[in-house]
Amino acid sequence: MSESGRLSDRERRAWFGFLTMQEDVRRHLNRQLLRDADISVAEFAVLSVLRMSPAGPMRVFELREALRWEKTRVIHQTSRMIRRGLLERQTCVEDRRGTRIALTDEGRAVIDKATPLHLRYVRQIFLDLLSPRQLDTLAVVSETVLDNLASDAFED
């Protein structure tokens, strides 16, 4: 590891390769979801989290934590999805001042249609290209970086 304020060739290759890969994968997944399911990657993320939630509807702060997004991004994204009829606001029983975000029947139908298409595409453009050893290495790298970031609580 170099402390000189410059990246070594190895570091530059790894860092910029990671950034480029991340953006290109996101762009390809977004294009696929828009084409096949008429939703964006962001919409897919929100719908997926709500669909997989064992408790059903979620408060905004719960969505924020699950998605790892800023609060304003969650609010803007869910507001757009409510206007599209994919989500709805529900009164929060335990806190009358609060609301929960819930899937509508249309939102549930959209995510149920999109999920198998999306998973097939994730395999095609990412998972199937990597060996089991590469997948294990990627998992360890991801977990190491995430563990390091966990000590720095994210507040917006």
Protein backbone atom coordinates (compact mmCIF):
# COMPACT_ATOMS: atom_id res chain seq x y z
CA MET A 1 0.00 0.00 0.00
CA SER A 2 1.38 3.36 -1.03
CA GLU A 3 0.96 6.37 1.24
CA SER A 4 2.39 8.82 -1.31
CA GLY A 5 -0.96 10.32 -2.27
CA ARG A 6 -0.79 8.51 -5.59
CA LEU A 7 -2.15 5.18 -6.60
CA SER A 8 0.19 2.46 -7.77
CA ASP A 9 -0.57 0.86 -11.12
CA ARG A 10 -2.09 -2.13 -9.28
CA GLU A 11 -4.23 0.13 -7.05
CA ARG A 12 -5.34 2.28 -9.99
CA ARG A 13 -6.30 -0.78 -12.03
CA ALA A 14 -8.29 -2.25 -9.13
CA TRP A 15 -9.99 0.99 -8.07
CA PHE A 16 -10.93 2.33 -11.50
CA GLY A 17 -11.86 -1.15 -12.69
CA PHE A 18 -14.21 -1.47 -9.72
CA LEU A 19 -15.78 1.96 -10.34
CA THR A 20 -16.23 1.35 -14.07
CA MET A 21 -17.61 -2.15 -13.55
CA GLN A 22 -20.08 -0.91 -10.94
CA GLU A 23 -21.41 1.84 -13.21
CA ASP A 24 -21.58 -0.37 -16.29
CA VAL A 25 -23.34 -3.20 -14.45
CA ARG A 26 -25.86 -0.74 -13.01
CA ARG A 27 -26.43 0.84 -16.44
CA HIS A 28 -26.95 -2.56 -18.12
CA LEU A 29 -29.29 -3.76 -15.37
CA ASN A 30 -31.27 -0.53 -15.56
CA ARG A 31 -31.64 -0.85 -19.33
CA GLN A 32 -32.75 -4.49 -18.99
CA LEU A 33 -35.33 -3.69 -16.30
CA LEU A 34 -36.73 -0.73 -18.24
CA ARG A 35 -37.02 -2.86 -21.38
CA ASP A 36 -38.43 -6.02 -19.79
CA ALA A 37 -40.42 -4.75 -16.80
CA ASP A 38 -40.82 -0.98 -17.29
CA ILE A 39 -39.08 -0.18 -13.99
CA SER A 40 -35.68 1.27 -13.11
CA VAL A 41 -32.98 -0.32 -10.95
CA ALA A 42 -33.98 2.07 -8.15
CA GLU A 43 -37.63 1.05 -8.42
CA PHE A 44 -36.60 -2.62 -8.48
CA ALA A 45 -34.57 -2.09 -5.29
CA VAL A 46 -37.49 -0.51 -3.42
CA LEU A 47 -40.00 -3.09 -4.64
CA SER A 48 -37.64 -5.96 -3.78
CA VAL A 49 -37.01 -4.75 -0.24
CA LEU A 50 -40.73 -4.36 0.39
CA ARG A 51 -41.56 -7.70 -1.24
CA MET A 52 -39.01 -9.53 0.91
CA SER A 53 -39.96 -7.75 4.14
CA PRO A 54 -41.44 -10.34 6.51
CA ALA A 55 -43.29 -7.56 8.35
CA GLY A 56 -44.78 -6.13 5.15
CA PRO A 57 -45.00 -2.33 4.93
CA MET A 58 -41.99 -0.37 6.17
CA ARG A 59 -41.32 3.04 7.65
CA VAL A 60 -39.11 5.39 5.61
CA PHE A 61 -36.22 4.98 8.07
CA GLU A 62 -36.47 1.19 7.71
CA LEU A 63 -36.37 1.49 3.92
CA ARG A 64 -33.42 3.86 4.18
CA GLU A 65 -31.49 1.38 6.30
CA ALA A 66 -32.33 -1.58 4.05
CA LEU A 67 -31.50 0.28 0.82
CA ARG A 68 -28.51 2.17 2.31
CA TRP A 69 -29.77 5.36 0.69
CA GLU A 70 -30.05 8.91 1.94
CA LYS A 71 -33.42 9.81 3.44
CA THR A 72 -34.21 12.36 0.72
CA ARG A 73 -33.54 9.79 -2.00
CA VAL A 74 -35.93 7.32 -0.36
CA ILE A 75 -38.62 9.98 0.00
CA HIS A 76 -38.31 11.20 -3.60
CA GLN A 77 -38.17 7.66 -5.02
CA THR A 78 -41.15 6.38 -3.04
CA SER A 79 -43.17 9.52 -3.89
CA ARG A 80 -42.63 8.89 -7.60
CA MET A 81 -43.59 5.25 -7.16
CA ILE A 82 -46.75 6.19 -5.26
CA ARG A 83 -47.75 8.44 -8.17
CA ARG A 84 -47.15 5.49 -10.52
CA GLY A 85 -49.41 3.27 -8.42
CA LEU A 86 -46.64 0.85 -7.37
CA LEU A 87 -46.66 1.87 -3.69
CA GLU A 88 -49.05 3.39 -1.20
CA ARG A 89 -48.75 5.17 2.14
CA GLN A 90 -50.47 3.59 5.12
CA THR A 91 -51.07 5.00 8.58
CA CYS A 92 -48.62 3.68 11.14
CA VAL A 93 -50.65 2.09 13.96
CA GLU A 94 -47.97 2.47 16.65
CA ASP A 95 -47.18 6.11 15.73
CA ARG A 96 -50.11 8.05 14.27
CA ARG A 97 -47.70 10.77 13.08
CA GLY A 98 -45.82 8.26 10.94
CA THR A 99 -46.62 6.34 7.81
CA ARG A 100 -45.57 3.05 6.31
CA ILE A 101 -44.78 2.42 2.68
CA ALA A 102 -46.53 -0.62 1.21
CA LEU A 103 -46.69 -2.43 -2.10
CA THR A 104 -49.89 -2.06 -4.07
CA ASP A 105 -51.28 -5.02 -5.99
CA GLU A 106 -49.74 -3.47 -9.11
CA GLY A 107 -46.35 -3.08 -7.38
CA ARG A 108 -46.46 -6.71 -6.26
CA ALA A 109 -47.31 -7.87 -9.79
CA VAL A 110 -44.48 -5.77 -11.26
CA ILE A 111 -41.81 -7.10 -8.88
CA ASP A 112 -43.04 -10.68 -9.28
CA LYS A 113 -42.68 -10.34 -13.06
CA ALA A 114 -39.34 -8.48 -12.91
CA THR A 115 -37.49 -10.68 -10.42
CA PRO A 116 -36.92 -13.83 -12.51
CA LEU A 117 -36.01 -11.70 -15.55
CA HIS A 118 -33.58 -9.65 -13.48
CA LEU A 119 -31.97 -12.69 -11.84
CA ARG A 120 -31.47 -14.34 -15.22
CA TYR A 121 -29.75 -11.19 -16.49
CA VAL A 122 -27.57 -10.88 -13.34
CA ARG A 123 -26.38 -14.40 -13.98
CA GLN A 124 -25.77 -13.70 -17.66
CA ILE A 125 -23.75 -10.49 -17.26
CA PHE A 126 -22.04 -11.17 -13.93
CA LEU A 127 -22.34 -14.38 -11.91
CA ASP A 128 -21.87 -16.93 -14.69
CA LEU A 129 -18.65 -15.23 -15.82
CA LEU A 130 -16.91 -15.83 -12.50
CA SER A 131 -15.47 -19.05 -11.14
CA PRO A 132 -16.49 -20.26 -7.67
CA ARG A 133 -13.10 -19.06 -6.40
CA GLN A 134 -13.62 -15.60 -7.91
CA LEU A 135 -17.10 -15.39 -6.36
CA ASP A 136 -15.66 -16.32 -2.96
CA THR A 137 -12.91 -13.71 -3.34
CA LEU A 138 -15.43 -11.05 -4.35
CA ALA A 139 -17.56 -11.90 -1.31
CA VAL A 140 -14.57 -11.63 1.04
CA VAL A 141 -13.46 -8.32 -0.49
CA SER A 142 -16.99 -6.91 -0.25
CA GLU A 143 -17.40 -8.05 3.36
CA THR A 144 -14.01 -6.61 4.34
CA VAL A 145 -14.81 -3.18 2.91
CA LEU A 146 -18.33 -3.19 4.37
CA ASP A 147 -17.02 -4.19 7.82
CA ASN A 148 -14.58 -1.27 7.65
CA LEU A 149 -17.37 1.15 6.72
CA ALA A 150 -19.73 -0.18 9.40
CA SER A 151 -17.74 1.59 12.11
CA ASP A 152 -18.49 4.91 10.42
CA ALA A 153 -22.23 5.30 11.04
CA PHE A 154 -23.98 6.91 8.09
CA GLU A 155 -26.30 9.73 9.02
CA ASP A 156 -27.96 12.11 6.59
